[in-house]
PDB file of N, CA and C in Angstrom:
ATOM      1  N   MET A   1      77.475 171.857 129.889  1.00  0.00           N
ATOM      2  CA  MET A   1      78.628 171.093 129.425  1.00  0.00           C
ATOM      3  C   MET A   1      79.073 171.630 128.065  1.00  0.00           C
ATOM      4  N   THR A   2      80.347 171.697 127.864  1.00  0.00           N
ATOM      5  CA  THR A   2      80.919 172.153 126.597  1.00  0.00           C
ATOM      6  C   THR A   2      80.820 171.028 125.568  1.00  0.00           C
ATOM      7  N   THR A   3      80.529 171.414 124.339  1.00  0.00           N
ATOM      8  CA  THR A   3      80.435 170.428 123.264  1.00  0.00           C
ATOM      9  C   THR A   3      81.685 170.486 122.391  1.00  0.00           C
ATOM     10  N   PHE A   4      81.844 169.475 121.546  1.00  0.00           N
ATOM     11  CA  PHE A   4      82.959 169.466 120.613  1.00  0.00           C
ATOM     12  C   PHE A   4      82.872 170.667 119.680  1.00  0.00           C
ATOM     13  N   ASP A   5      81.669 171.040 119.275  1.00  0.00           N
ATOM     14  CA  ASP A   5      81.506 172.218 118.420  1.00  0.00           C
ATOM     15  C   ASP A   5      81.993 173.485 119.117  1.00  0.00           C
ATOM     16  N   ASP A   6      81.785 173.573 120.449  1.00  0.00           N
ATOM     17  CA  ASP A   6      82.309 174.717 121.204  1.00  0.00           C
ATOM     18  C   ASP A   6      83.832 174.742 121.129  1.00  0.00           C
ATOM     19  N   PHE A   7      84.455 173.583 121.310  1.00  0.00           N
ATOM     20  CA  PHE A   7      85.916 173.491 121.245  1.00  0.00           C
ATOM     21  C   PHE A   7      86.428 173.942 119.881  1.00  0.00           C
ATOM     22  N   LEU A   8      85.734 173.551 118.811  1.00  0.00           N
ATOM     23  CA  LEU A   8      86.173 173.904 117.458  1.00  0.00           C
ATOM     24  C   LEU A   8      86.132 175.408 117.198  1.00  0.00           C
ATOM     25  N   LYS A   9      85.389 176.142 118.006  1.00  0.00           N
ATOM     26  CA  LYS A   9      85.327 177.597 117.842  1.00  0.00           C
ATOM     27  C   LYS A   9      86.622 178.279 118.286  1.00  0.00           C
ATOM     28  N   LEU A  10      87.404 177.600 119.127  1.00  0.00           N
ATOM     29  CA  LEU A  10      88.665 178.165 119.592  1.00  0.00           C
ATOM     30  C   LEU A  10      89.726 178.068 118.505  1.00  0.00           C
ATOM     31  N   ASP A  11      90.416 179.156 118.274  1.00  0.00           N
ATOM     32  CA  ASP A  11      91.532 179.165 117.325  1.00  0.00           C
ATOM     33  C   ASP A  11      92.813 179.167 118.153  1.00  0.00           C
ATOM     34  N   ILE A  12      93.412 177.979 118.309  1.00  0.00           N
ATOM     35  CA  ILE A  12      94.612 177.819 119.129  1.00  0.00           C
ATOM     36  C   ILE A  12      95.799 177.637 118.199  1.00  0.00           C
ATOM     37  N   ARG A  13      96.781 178.529 118.336  1.00  0.00           N
ATOM     38  CA  ARG A  13      97.925 178.550 117.430  1.00  0.00           C
ATOM     39  C   ARG A  13      99.241 178.515 118.192  1.00  0.00           C
ATOM     40  N   VAL A  14     100.287 178.137 117.467  1.00  0.00           N
ATOM     41  CA  VAL A  14     101.647 178.156 117.990  1.00  0.00           C
ATOM     42  C   VAL A  14     102.265 179.515 117.675  1.00  0.00           C
ATOM     43  N   GLY A  15     102.944 180.073 118.663  1.00  0.00           N
ATOM     44  CA  GLY A  15     103.685 181.311 118.464  1.00  0.00           C
ATOM     45  C   GLY A  15     104.998 181.257 119.224  1.00  0.00           C
ATOM     46  N   THR A  16     105.919 182.120 118.838  1.00  0.00           N
ATOM     47  CA  THR A  16     107.218 182.207 119.504  1.00  0.00           C
ATOM     48  C   THR A  16     107.293 183.517 120.283  1.00  0.00           C
ATOM     49  N   ILE A  17     107.656 183.414 121.553  1.00  0.00           N
ATOM     50  CA  ILE A  17     107.810 184.615 122.383  1.00  0.00           C
ATOM     51  C   ILE A  17     109.045 185.375 121.901  1.00  0.00           C
ATOM     52  N   ILE A  18     108.840 186.637 121.519  1.00  0.00           N
ATOM     53  CA  ILE A  18     109.948 187.443 121.010  1.00  0.00           C
ATOM     54  C   ILE A  18     110.343 188.554 121.978  1.00  0.00           C
ATOM     55  N   ASP A  19     109.495 188.814 122.982  1.00  0.00           N
ATOM     56  CA  ASP A  19     109.824 189.837 123.972  1.00  0.00           C
ATOM     57  C   ASP A  19     109.049 189.544 125.254  1.00  0.00           C
ATOM     58  N   ALA A  20     109.660 189.831 126.381  1.00  0.00           N
ATOM     59  CA  ALA A  20     109.012 189.649 127.681  1.00  0.00           C
ATOM     60  C   ALA A  20     109.525 190.727 128.632  1.00  0.00           C
ATOM     61  N   LYS A  21     108.573 191.323 129.342  1.00  0.00           N
ATOM     62  CA  LYS A  21     108.914 192.362 130.318  1.00  0.00           C
ATOM     63  C   LYS A  21     108.065 192.140 131.572  1.00  0.00           C
ATOM     64  N   ILE A  22     108.574 192.597 132.703  1.00  0.00           N
ATOM     65  CA  ILE A  22     107.799 192.542 133.937  1.00  0.00           C
ATOM     66  C   ILE A  22     106.609 193.499 133.809  1.00  0.00           C
ATOM     67  N   PHE A  23     105.425 193.009 134.183  1.00  0.00           N
ATOM     68  CA  PHE A  23     104.202 193.811 134.128  1.00  0.00           C
ATOM     69  C   PHE A  23     103.997 194.430 135.517  1.00  0.00           C
ATOM     70  N   LYS A  24     104.566 195.591 135.709  1.00  0.00           N
ATOM     71  CA  LYS A  24     104.592 196.234 137.023  1.00  0.00           C
ATOM     72  C   LYS A  24     103.206 196.623 137.533  1.00  0.00           C
ATOM     73  N   LYS A  25     102.269 196.947 136.642  1.00  0.00           N
ATOM     74  CA  LYS A  25     100.947 197.415 137.072  1.00  0.00           C
ATOM     75  C   LYS A  25      99.932 196.279 137.261  1.00  0.00           C
ATOM     76  N   ALA A  26     100.318 195.055 137.000  1.00  0.00           N
ATOM     77  CA  ALA A  26      99.399 193.924 137.181  1.00  0.00           C
ATOM     78  C   ALA A  26      99.140 193.700 138.667  1.00  0.00           C
ATOM     79  N   LYS A  27      97.914 193.300 139.016  1.00  0.00           N
ATOM     80  CA  LYS A  27      97.573 193.030 140.415  1.00  0.00           C
ATOM     81  C   LYS A  27      98.335 191.817 140.943  1.00  0.00           C
ATOM     82  N   LYS A  28      98.458 190.783 140.099  1.00  0.00           N
ATOM     83  CA  LYS A  28      99.215 189.583 140.450  1.00  0.00           C
ATOM     84  C   LYS A  28     100.484 189.587 139.596  1.00  0.00           C
ATOM     85  N   PRO A  29     101.588 189.023 140.107  1.00  0.00           N
ATOM     86  CA  PRO A  29     102.832 189.021 139.318  1.00  0.00           C
ATOM     87  C   PRO A  29     102.616 188.440 137.916  1.00  0.00           C
ATOM     88  N   ALA A  30     103.086 189.176 136.917  1.00  0.00           N
ATOM     89  CA  ALA A  30     102.872 188.765 135.526  1.00  0.00           C
ATOM     90  C   ALA A  30     103.951 189.366 134.633  1.00  0.00           C
ATOM     91  N   TYR A  31     104.011 188.828 133.421  1.00  0.00           N
ATOM     92  CA  TYR A  31     104.866 189.373 132.373  1.00  0.00           C
ATOM     93  C   TYR A  31     103.996 189.897 131.242  1.00  0.00           C
ATOM     94  N   LYS A  32     104.509 190.905 130.539  1.00  0.00           N
ATOM     95  CA  LYS A  32     103.950 191.344 129.261  1.00  0.00           C
ATOM     96  C   LYS A  32     104.742 190.605 128.189  1.00  0.00           C
ATOM     97  N   LEU A  33     104.056 189.829 127.370  1.00  0.00           N
ATOM     98  CA  LEU A  33     104.714 189.057 126.322  1.00  0.00           C
ATOM     99  C   LEU A  33     104.345 189.597 124.948  1.00  0.00           C
ATOM    100  N   LYS A  34     105.285 189.520 124.014  1.00  0.00           N
ATOM    101  CA  LYS A  34     105.001 189.710 122.593  1.00  0.00           C
ATOM    102  C   LYS A  34     105.267 188.362 121.942  1.00  0.00           C
ATOM    103  N   VAL A  35     104.266 187.875 121.206  1.00  0.00           N
ATOM    104  CA  VAL A  35     104.337 186.542 120.621  1.00  0.00           C
ATOM    105  C   VAL A  35     104.124 186.640 119.114  1.00  0.00           C
ATOM    106  N   ASP A  36     105.037 186.037 118.357  1.00  0.00           N
ATOM    107  CA  ASP A  36     104.966 186.036 116.894  1.00  0.00           C
ATOM    108  C   ASP A  36     104.211 184.799 116.428  1.00  0.00           C
ATOM    109  N   PHE A  37     103.051 185.008 115.787  1.00  0.00           N
ATOM    110  CA  PHE A  37     102.227 183.920 115.274  1.00  0.00           C
ATOM    111  C   PHE A  37     102.326 183.763 113.757  1.00  0.00           C
ATOM    112  N   GLY A  38     103.341 184.331 113.148  1.00  0.00           N
ATOM    113  CA  GLY A  38     103.546 184.188 111.714  1.00  0.00           C
ATOM    114  C   GLY A  38     102.806 185.239 110.907  1.00  0.00           C
ATOM    115  N   LYS A  39     102.900 185.100 109.587  1.00  0.00           N
ATOM    116  CA  LYS A  39     102.394 186.125 108.667  1.00  0.00           C
ATOM    117  C   LYS A  39     100.884 186.349 108.777  1.00  0.00           C
ATOM    118  N   GLU A  40     100.115 185.274 108.891  1.00  0.00           N
ATOM    119  CA  GLU A  40      98.652 185.395 108.885  1.00  0.00           C
ATOM    120  C   GLU A  40      98.121 186.188 110.081  1.00  0.00           C
ATOM    121  N   ILE A  41      98.666 185.939 111.262  1.00  0.00           N
ATOM    122  CA  ILE A  41      98.155 186.553 112.491  1.00  0.00           C
ATOM    123  C   ILE A  41      99.044 187.689 112.969  1.00  0.00           C
ATOM    124  N   GLY A  42     100.355 187.550 112.792  1.00  0.00           N
ATOM    125  CA  GLY A  42     101.285 188.603 113.182  1.00  0.00           C
ATOM    126  C   GLY A  42     101.720 188.502 114.631  1.00  0.00           C
ATOM    127  N   ILE A  43     102.202 189.620 115.147  1.00  0.00           N
ATOM    128  CA  ILE A  43     102.693 189.692 116.524  1.00  0.00           C
ATOM    129  C   ILE A  43     101.568 190.197 117.409  1.00  0.00           C
ATOM    130  N   LYS A  44     101.316 189.471 118.481  1.00  0.00           N
ATOM    131  CA  LYS A  44     100.265 189.823 119.445  1.00  0.00           C
ATOM    132  C   LYS A  44     100.881 189.914 120.830  1.00  0.00           C
ATOM    133  N   GLN A  45     100.220 190.646 121.715  1.00  0.00           N
ATOM    134  CA  GLN A  45     100.718 190.772 123.072  1.00  0.00           C
ATOM    135  C   GLN A  45      99.780 190.080 124.047  1.00  0.00           C
ATOM    136  N   SER A  46     100.357 189.649 125.166  1.00  0.00           N
ATOM    137  CA  SER A  46      99.594 188.921 126.168  1.00  0.00           C
ATOM    138  C   SER A  46     100.166 189.212 127.558  1.00  0.00           C
ATOM    139  N   SER A  47      99.270 189.258 128.532  1.00  0.00           N
ATOM    140  CA  SER A  47      99.682 189.297 129.927  1.00  0.00           C
ATOM    141  C   SER A  47      99.651 187.854 130.426  1.00  0.00           C
ATOM    142  N   ALA A  48     100.734 187.404 131.048  1.00  0.00           N
ATOM    143  CA  ALA A  48     100.818 186.006 131.489  1.00  0.00           C
ATOM    144  C   ALA A  48     101.337 185.933 132.919  1.00  0.00           C
ATOM    145  N   GLN A  49     100.567 185.261 133.772  1.00  0.00           N
ATOM    146  CA  GLN A  49     100.958 185.071 135.173  1.00  0.00           C
ATOM    147  C   GLN A  49     101.794 183.800 135.285  1.00  0.00           C
ATOM    148  N   ILE A  50     103.018 183.891 134.811  1.00  0.00           N
ATOM    149  CA  ILE A  50     103.910 182.727 134.744  1.00  0.00           C
ATOM    150  C   ILE A  50     105.238 182.992 135.448  1.00  0.00           C
ATOM    151  N   THR A  51     105.254 183.953 136.362  1.00  0.00           N
ATOM    152  CA  THR A  51     106.506 184.386 136.983  1.00  0.00           C
ATOM    153  C   THR A  51     107.091 183.360 137.958  1.00  0.00           C
ATOM    154  N   GLU A  52     106.265 182.446 138.477  1.00  0.00           N
ATOM    155  CA  GLU A  52     106.787 181.462 139.435  1.00  0.00           C
ATOM    156  C   GLU A  52     107.723 180.457 138.774  1.00  0.00           C
ATOM    157  N   MET A  53     107.458 180.130 137.516  1.00  0.00           N
ATOM    158  CA  MET A  53     108.211 179.073 136.838  1.00  0.00           C
ATOM    159  C   MET A  53     109.196 179.582 135.787  1.00  0.00           C
ATOM    160  N   TYR A  54     109.038 180.834 135.355  1.00  0.00           N
ATOM    161  CA  TYR A  54     109.833 181.314 134.220  1.00  0.00           C
ATOM    162  C   TYR A  54     110.487 182.658 134.518  1.00  0.00           C
ATOM    163  N   ASN A  55     111.752 182.779 134.120  1.00  0.00           N
ATOM    164  CA  ASN A  55     112.453 184.061 134.107  1.00  0.00           C
ATOM    165  C   ASN A  55     112.331 184.638 132.707  1.00  0.00           C
ATOM    166  N   ILE A  56     112.425 185.941 132.609  1.00  0.00           N
ATOM    167  CA  ILE A  56     112.303 186.601 131.304  1.00  0.00           C
ATOM    168  C   ILE A  56     113.276 186.006 130.287  1.00  0.00           C
ATOM    169  N   ASP A  57     114.520 185.796 130.678  1.00  0.00           N
ATOM    170  CA  ASP A  57     115.528 185.279 129.744  1.00  0.00           C
ATOM    171  C   ASP A  57     115.173 183.888 129.224  1.00  0.00           C
ATOM    172  N   ASP A  58     114.460 183.090 130.028  1.00  0.00           N
ATOM    173  CA  ASP A  58     114.063 181.743 129.614  1.00  0.00           C
ATOM    174  C   ASP A  58     112.934 181.767 128.593  1.00  0.00           C
ATOM    175  N   LEU A  59     112.190 182.859 128.522  1.00  0.00           N
ATOM    176  CA  LEU A  59     111.003 182.914 127.673  1.00  0.00           C
ATOM    177  C   LEU A  59     111.308 183.264 126.220  1.00  0.00           C
ATOM    178  N   ILE A  60     112.307 184.095 125.995  1.00  0.00           N
ATOM    179  CA  ILE A  60     112.601 184.550 124.635  1.00  0.00           C
ATOM    180  C   ILE A  60     112.976 183.342 123.773  1.00  0.00           C
ATOM    181  N   GLY A  61     112.254 183.200 122.643  1.00  0.00           N
ATOM    182  CA  GLY A  61     112.507 182.098 121.719  1.00  0.00           C
ATOM    183  C   GLY A  61     111.691 180.853 122.011  1.00  0.00           C
ATOM    184  N   LYS A  62     110.950 180.838 123.115  1.00  0.00           N
ATOM    185  CA  LYS A  62     110.150 179.661 123.479  1.00  0.00           C
ATOM    186  C   LYS A  62     108.841 179.663 122.679  1.00  0.00           C
ATOM    187  N   GLN A  63     108.500 178.518 122.113  1.00  0.00           N
ATOM    188  CA  GLN A  63     107.214 178.386 121.431  1.00  0.00           C
ATOM    189  C   GLN A  63     106.137 178.017 122.439  1.00  0.00           C
ATOM    190  N   VAL A  64     104.953 178.604 122.251  1.00  0.00           N
ATOM    191  CA  VAL A  64     103.821 178.377 123.145  1.00  0.00           C
ATOM    192  C   VAL A  64     102.553 178.205 122.322  1.00  0.00           C
ATOM    193  N   LEU A  65     101.522 177.708 122.978  1.00  0.00           N
ATOM    194  CA  LEU A  65     100.187 177.643 122.380  1.00  0.00           C
ATOM    195  C   LEU A  65      99.338 178.739 122.999  1.00  0.00           C
ATOM    196  N   ALA A  66      98.490 179.363 122.175  1.00  0.00           N
ATOM    197  CA  ALA A  66      97.634 180.446 122.667  1.00  0.00           C
ATOM    198  C   ALA A  66      96.324 180.476 121.896  1.00  0.00           C
ATOM    199  N   VAL A  67      95.272 180.901 122.583  1.00  0.00           N
ATOM    200  CA  VAL A  67      93.989 181.164 121.930  1.00  0.00           C
ATOM    201  C   VAL A  67      94.110 182.552 121.313  1.00  0.00           C
ATOM    202  N   VAL A  68      93.912 182.625 119.984  1.00  0.00           N
ATOM    203  CA  VAL A  68      94.117 183.898 119.294  1.00  0.00           C
ATOM    204  C   VAL A  68      92.808 184.571 118.872  1.00  0.00           C
ATOM    205  N   ASN A  69      91.663 183.934 119.154  1.00  0.00           N
ATOM    206  CA  ASN A  69      90.404 184.543 118.702  1.00  0.00           C
ATOM    207  C   ASN A  69      89.473 184.956 119.845  1.00  0.00           C
ATOM    208  N   PHE A  70      90.025 185.168 121.051  1.00  0.00           N
ATOM    209  CA  PHE A  70      89.252 185.812 122.110  1.00  0.00           C
ATOM    210  C   PHE A  70      89.307 187.316 121.874  1.00  0.00           C
ATOM    211  N   PRO A  71      88.298 188.059 122.347  1.00  0.00           N
ATOM    212  CA  PRO A  71      88.405 189.520 122.235  1.00  0.00           C
ATOM    213  C   PRO A  71      89.531 190.033 123.130  1.00  0.00           C
ATOM    214  N   PRO A  72      90.172 191.134 122.747  1.00  0.00           N
ATOM    215  CA  PRO A  72      91.226 191.708 123.595  1.00  0.00           C
ATOM    216  C   PRO A  72      90.671 192.039 124.985  1.00  0.00           C
ATOM    217  N   ARG A  73      91.545 191.949 125.986  1.00  0.00           N
ATOM    218  CA  ARG A  73      91.141 192.204 127.368  1.00  0.00           C
ATOM    219  C   ARG A  73      92.103 193.203 127.991  1.00  0.00           C
ATOM    220  N   GLN A  74      91.547 194.275 128.538  1.00  0.00           N
ATOM    221  CA  GLN A  74      92.394 195.284 129.165  1.00  0.00           C
ATOM    222  C   GLN A  74      92.739 194.855 130.585  1.00  0.00           C
ATOM    223  N   ILE A  75      94.032 194.860 130.883  1.00  0.00           N
ATOM    224  CA  ILE A  75      94.543 194.559 132.208  1.00  0.00           C
ATOM    225  C   ILE A  75      95.413 195.746 132.598  1.00  0.00           C
ATOM    226  N   ALA A  76      94.943 196.504 133.585  1.00  0.00           N
ATOM    227  CA  ALA A  76      95.577 197.776 133.964  1.00  0.00           C
ATOM    228  C   ALA A  76      95.677 198.649 132.709  1.00  0.00           C
ATOM    229  N   ASP A  77      96.881 199.079 132.339  1.00  0.00           N
ATOM    230  CA  ASP A  77      97.050 199.951 131.170  1.00  0.00           C
ATOM    231  C   ASP A  77      97.507 199.173 129.937  1.00  0.00           C
ATOM    232  N   PHE A  78      97.278 197.867 129.933  1.00  0.00           N
ATOM    233  CA  PHE A  78      97.800 196.972 128.891  1.00  0.00           C
ATOM    234  C   PHE A  78      96.655 196.201 128.241  1.00  0.00           C
ATOM    235  N   MET A  79      96.691 196.082 126.917  1.00  0.00           N
ATOM    236  CA  MET A  79      95.674 195.325 126.195  1.00  0.00           C
ATOM    237  C   MET A  79      96.238 193.947 125.841  1.00  0.00           C
ATOM    238  N   SER A  80      95.688 192.913 126.476  1.00  0.00           N
ATOM    239  CA  SER A  80      96.106 191.537 126.216  1.00  0.00           C
ATOM    240  C   SER A  80      95.266 191.000 125.056  1.00  0.00           C
ATOM    241  N   GLU A  81      95.937 190.600 123.968  1.00  0.00           N
ATOM    242  CA  GLU A  81      95.248 190.222 122.738  1.00  0.00           C
ATOM    243  C   GLU A  81      95.056 188.723 122.566  1.00  0.00           C
ATOM    244  N   VAL A  82      95.852 187.923 123.241  1.00  0.00           N
ATOM    245  CA  VAL A  82      95.757 186.469 123.133  1.00  0.00           C
ATOM    246  C   VAL A  82      95.902 185.858 124.530  1.00  0.00           C
ATOM    247  N   LEU A  83      95.408 184.624 124.674  1.00  0.00           N
ATOM    248  CA  LEU A  83      95.525 183.898 125.936  1.00  0.00           C
ATOM    249  C   LEU A  83      96.547 182.784 125.770  1.00  0.00           C
ATOM    250  N   VAL A  84      97.724 182.985 126.357  1.00  0.00           N
ATOM    251  CA  VAL A  84      98.763 181.963 126.340  1.00  0.00           C
ATOM    252  C   VAL A  84      98.325 180.851 127.290  1.00  0.00           C
ATOM    253  N   LEU A  85      98.437 179.596 126.830  1.00  0.00           N
ATOM    254  CA  LEU A  85      97.911 178.468 127.591  1.00  0.00           C
ATOM    255  C   LEU A  85      98.954 177.813 128.480  1.00  0.00           C
ATOM    256  N   GLY A  86      98.510 177.404 129.653  1.00  0.00           N
ATOM    257  CA  GLY A  86      99.363 176.703 130.597  1.00  0.00           C
ATOM    258  C   GLY A  86      98.525 175.898 131.565  1.00  0.00           C
ATOM    259  N   THR A  87      99.182 175.062 132.331  1.00  0.00           N
ATOM    260  CA  THR A  87      98.497 174.277 133.359  1.00  0.00           C
ATOM    261  C   THR A  87      98.749 174.909 134.721  1.00  0.00           C
ATOM    262  N   TYR A  88      97.736 174.867 135.567  1.00  0.00           N
ATOM    263  CA  TYR A  88      97.897 175.321 136.950  1.00  0.00           C
ATOM    264  C   TYR A  88      98.422 174.135 137.741  1.00  0.00           C
ATOM    265  N   SER A  89      99.724 174.124 137.967  1.00  0.00           N
ATOM    266  CA  SER A  89     100.402 173.018 138.634  1.00  0.00           C
ATOM    267  C   SER A  89     100.841 173.459 140.029  1.00  0.00           C
ATOM    268  N   LYS A  90     101.232 172.497 140.863  1.00  0.00           N
ATOM    269  CA  LYS A  90     101.662 172.802 142.241  1.00  0.00           C
ATOM    270  C   LYS A  90     102.735 173.877 142.272  1.00  0.00           C
ATOM    271  N   GLN A  91     103.687 173.782 141.350  1.00  0.00           N
ATOM    272  CA  GLN A  91     104.824 174.692 141.360  1.00  0.00           C
ATOM    273  C   GLN A  91     104.541 176.027 140.676  1.00  0.00           C
ATOM    274  N   GLY A  92     103.382 176.161 140.047  1.00  0.00           N
ATOM    275  CA  GLY A  92     103.023 177.382 139.325  1.00  0.00           C
ATOM    276  C   GLY A  92     102.519 177.034 137.941  1.00  0.00           C
ATOM    277  N   VAL A  93     102.222 178.052 137.152  1.00  0.00           N
ATOM    278  CA  VAL A  93     101.717 177.830 135.795  1.00  0.00           C
ATOM    279  C   VAL A  93     102.846 177.309 134.907  1.00  0.00           C
ATOM    280  N   VAL A  94     102.568 176.210 134.202  1.00  0.00           N
ATOM    281  CA  VAL A  94     103.521 175.603 133.275  1.00  0.00           C
ATOM    282  C   VAL A  94     102.960 175.775 131.869  1.00  0.00           C
ATOM    283  N   LEU A  95     103.730 176.401 130.998  1.00  0.00           N
ATOM    284  CA  LEU A  95     103.282 176.676 129.632  1.00  0.00           C
ATOM    285  C   LEU A  95     103.078 175.402 128.821  1.00  0.00           C
ATOM    286  N   ILE A  96     102.082 175.453 127.931  1.00  0.00           N
ATOM    287  CA  ILE A  96     101.842 174.375 126.973  1.00  0.00           C
ATOM    288  C   ILE A  96     102.638 174.716 125.718  1.00  0.00           C
ATOM    289  N   LYS A  97     103.454 173.764 125.258  1.00  0.00           N
ATOM    290  CA  LYS A  97     104.303 174.037 124.097  1.00  0.00           C
ATOM    291  C   LYS A  97     104.450 172.774 123.258  1.00  0.00           C
ATOM    292  N   PRO A  98     104.755 172.937 121.970  1.00  0.00           N
ATOM    293  CA  PRO A  98     104.988 171.756 121.131  1.00  0.00           C
ATOM    294  C   PRO A  98     106.295 171.057 121.524  1.00  0.00           C
ATOM    295  N   ASP A  99     106.349 169.750 121.308  1.00  0.00           N
ATOM    296  CA  ASP A  99     107.565 168.981 121.592  1.00  0.00           C
ATOM    297  C   ASP A  99     108.693 169.294 120.621  1.00  0.00           C
ATOM    298  N   PHE A 100     108.331 169.676 119.400  1.00  0.00           N
ATOM    299  CA  PHE A 100     109.312 169.948 118.357  1.00  0.00           C
ATOM    300  C   PHE A 100     109.098 171.346 117.802  1.00  0.00           C
ATOM    301  N   LEU A 101     110.130 171.928 117.217  1.00  0.00           N
ATOM    302  CA  LEU A 101     110.026 173.234 116.591  1.00  0.00           C
ATOM    303  C   LEU A 101     109.065 173.132 115.409  1.00  0.00           C
ATOM    304  N   VAL A 102     108.053 174.003 115.390  1.00  0.00           N
ATOM    305  CA  VAL A 102     107.071 174.012 114.309  1.00  0.00           C
ATOM    306  C   VAL A 102     106.932 175.444 113.799  1.00  0.00           C
ATOM    307  N   GLU A 103     106.151 175.627 112.764  1.00  0.00           N
ATOM    308  CA  GLU A 103     105.949 176.960 112.175  1.00  0.00           C
ATOM    309  C   GLU A 103     105.068 177.810 113.076  1.00  0.00           C
ATOM    310  N   ASN A 104     105.434 179.067 113.235  1.00  0.00           N
ATOM    311  CA  ASN A 104     104.546 180.011 113.925  1.00  0.00           C
ATOM    312  C   ASN A 104     103.235 180.088 113.149  1.00  0.00           C
ATOM    313  N   GLY A 105     102.136 180.049 113.874  1.00  0.00           N
ATOM    314  CA  GLY A 105     100.823 180.078 113.246  1.00  0.00           C
ATOM    315  C   GLY A 105     100.208 178.709 113.050  1.00  0.00           C
ATOM    316  N   ASP A 106     100.985 177.620 113.233  1.00  0.00           N
ATOM    317  CA  ASP A 106     100.408 176.289 113.122  1.00  0.00           C
ATOM    318  C   ASP A 106      99.230 176.185 114.087  1.00  0.00           C
ATOM    319  N   LYS A 107      98.172 175.530 113.621  1.00  0.00           N
ATOM    320  CA  LYS A 107      96.922 175.440 114.372  1.00  0.00           C
ATOM    321  C   LYS A 107      96.813 174.125 115.115  1.00  0.00           C
ATOM    322  N   LEU A 108      96.335 174.211 116.357  1.00  0.00           N
ATOM    323  CA  LEU A 108      96.040 172.992 117.125  1.00  0.00           C
ATOM    324  C   LEU A 108      94.861 172.319 116.453  1.00  0.00           C
ATOM    325  N   GLY A 109      95.018 171.038 116.202  1.00  0.00           N
ATOM    326  CA  GLY A 109      93.925 170.327 115.514  1.00  0.00           C
ATOM    327  C   GLY A 109      93.664 168.989 116.108  1.00  0.00           C
TER     328      GLY A 109
END
Protein backbone atom coordinates (compact mmCIF):
# COMPACT_ATOMS: atom_id res chain seq x y z
CA MET A 1 0.00 0.00 0.00
CA THR A 2 1.21 3.50 -0.80
CA THR A 3 1.76 5.83 2.13
CA PHE A 4 1.26 9.57 2.42
CA ASP A 5 5.04 9.94 2.52
CA ASP A 6 5.21 8.15 -0.85
CA PHE A 7 2.71 10.64 -2.28
CA LEU A 8 4.78 13.57 -0.98
CA LYS A 9 7.74 12.34 -3.03
CA LEU A 10 5.87 13.20 -6.24
CA ASP A 11 6.51 16.67 -7.60
CA ILE A 12 3.27 17.52 -9.44
CA ARG A 13 3.23 20.90 -11.16
CA VAL A 14 1.05 23.00 -13.44
CA GLY A 15 2.32 23.66 -16.94
CA THR A 16 0.96 25.14 -20.16
CA ILE A 17 1.10 23.15 -23.39
CA ILE A 18 2.99 25.29 -25.90
CA ASP A 19 3.39 22.76 -28.72
CA ALA A 20 1.77 19.49 -29.79
CA LYS A 21 2.56 17.18 -32.69
CA ILE A 22 1.38 13.75 -33.77
CA PHE A 23 3.80 11.08 -32.48
CA LYS A 24 4.03 8.94 -35.61
CA LYS A 25 6.47 6.36 -34.16
CA ALA A 26 4.45 5.62 -31.01
CA LYS A 27 2.96 2.11 -30.78
CA LYS A 28 -0.36 3.54 -29.57
CA PRO A 29 -1.79 6.84 -30.91
CA ALA A 30 -0.13 9.70 -29.04
CA TYR A 31 1.03 13.29 -29.21
CA LYS A 32 4.45 14.78 -28.51
CA LEU A 33 3.85 17.71 -26.16
CA LYS A 34 6.06 20.59 -25.06
CA VAL A 35 4.93 21.95 -21.71
CA ASP A 36 6.11 25.18 -20.07
CA PHE A 37 6.50 24.78 -16.29
CA GLY A 38 7.89 28.27 -15.64
CA LYS A 39 11.35 29.56 -14.81
CA GLU A 40 12.31 26.99 -12.15
CA ILE A 41 11.62 23.87 -14.23
CA GLY A 42 11.47 25.21 -17.79
CA ILE A 43 10.04 23.56 -20.88
CA LYS A 44 9.74 19.77 -20.81
CA GLN A 45 8.47 17.28 -23.35
CA SER A 46 6.03 14.44 -22.87
CA SER A 47 4.42 11.67 -24.88
CA ALA A 48 0.67 11.62 -24.16
CA GLN A 49 -1.92 9.08 -25.32
CA ILE A 50 -4.75 11.60 -25.41
CA THR A 51 -5.72 11.49 -29.09
CA GLU A 52 -9.26 10.17 -28.48
CA MET A 53 -10.40 13.29 -26.63
CA TYR A 54 -8.11 16.07 -27.88
CA ASN A 55 -7.11 17.60 -31.21
CA ILE A 56 -3.74 19.31 -31.48
CA ASP A 57 -5.36 22.75 -31.89
CA ASP A 58 -7.33 22.24 -28.64
CA LEU A 59 -4.17 21.53 -26.65
CA ILE A 60 -2.13 24.67 -27.30
CA GLY A 61 -2.50 27.02 -24.33
CA LYS A 62 -4.19 24.41 -22.11
CA GLN A 63 -2.87 24.12 -18.56
CA VAL A 64 -2.26 20.60 -17.26
CA LEU A 65 -0.87 18.83 -14.21
CA ALA A 66 2.20 16.63 -14.60
CA VAL A 67 4.68 14.68 -12.50
CA VAL A 68 7.99 16.43 -13.14
CA ASN A 69 10.37 14.33 -11.02
CA PHE A 70 10.14 10.91 -12.69
CA PRO A 71 13.25 9.87 -14.63
CA PRO A 72 13.01 10.50 -18.39
CA ARG A 73 11.56 7.60 -20.38
CA GLN A 74 12.46 6.77 -23.95
CA ILE A 75 9.48 6.02 -26.18
CA ALA A 76 10.59 5.06 -29.70
CA ASP A 77 12.98 7.88 -30.73
CA PHE A 78 11.53 10.38 -28.23
CA MET A 79 12.54 11.14 -24.63
CA SER A 80 9.48 11.81 -22.46
CA GLU A 81 10.58 13.96 -19.50
CA VAL A 82 7.33 14.40 -17.56
CA LEU A 83 4.10 12.44 -17.03
CA VAL A 84 1.05 14.50 -17.94
CA LEU A 85 -1.84 13.37 -15.73
CA GLY A 86 -5.29 12.30 -16.84
CA THR A 87 -8.11 9.93 -16.00
CA TYR A 88 -8.83 6.76 -17.94
CA SER A 89 -12.49 7.42 -18.75
CA LYS A 90 -14.97 5.61 -21.02
CA GLN A 91 -14.48 8.16 -23.78
CA GLY A 92 -10.66 8.19 -23.49
CA VAL A 93 -8.02 9.89 -21.38
CA VAL A 94 -9.23 13.19 -19.89
CA LEU A 95 -6.52 15.61 -18.78
CA ILE A 96 -6.32 16.87 -15.20
CA LYS A 97 -6.22 20.67 -15.18
CA PRO A 98 -6.77 23.56 -12.77
CA ASP A 99 -10.21 25.22 -12.76
CA PHE A 100 -8.63 28.68 -12.98
CA LEU A 101 -5.58 30.11 -14.74
CA VAL A 102 -2.60 29.76 -12.40
CA GLU A 103 1.17 30.28 -12.65
CA ASN A 104 3.21 27.73 -14.56
CA GLY A 105 5.20 25.76 -12.02
CA ASP A 106 2.58 25.98 -9.26
CA LYS A 107 2.83 22.83 -7.14
CA LEU A 108 0.00 20.46 -6.27
CA GLY A 109 -0.30 20.53 -2.52
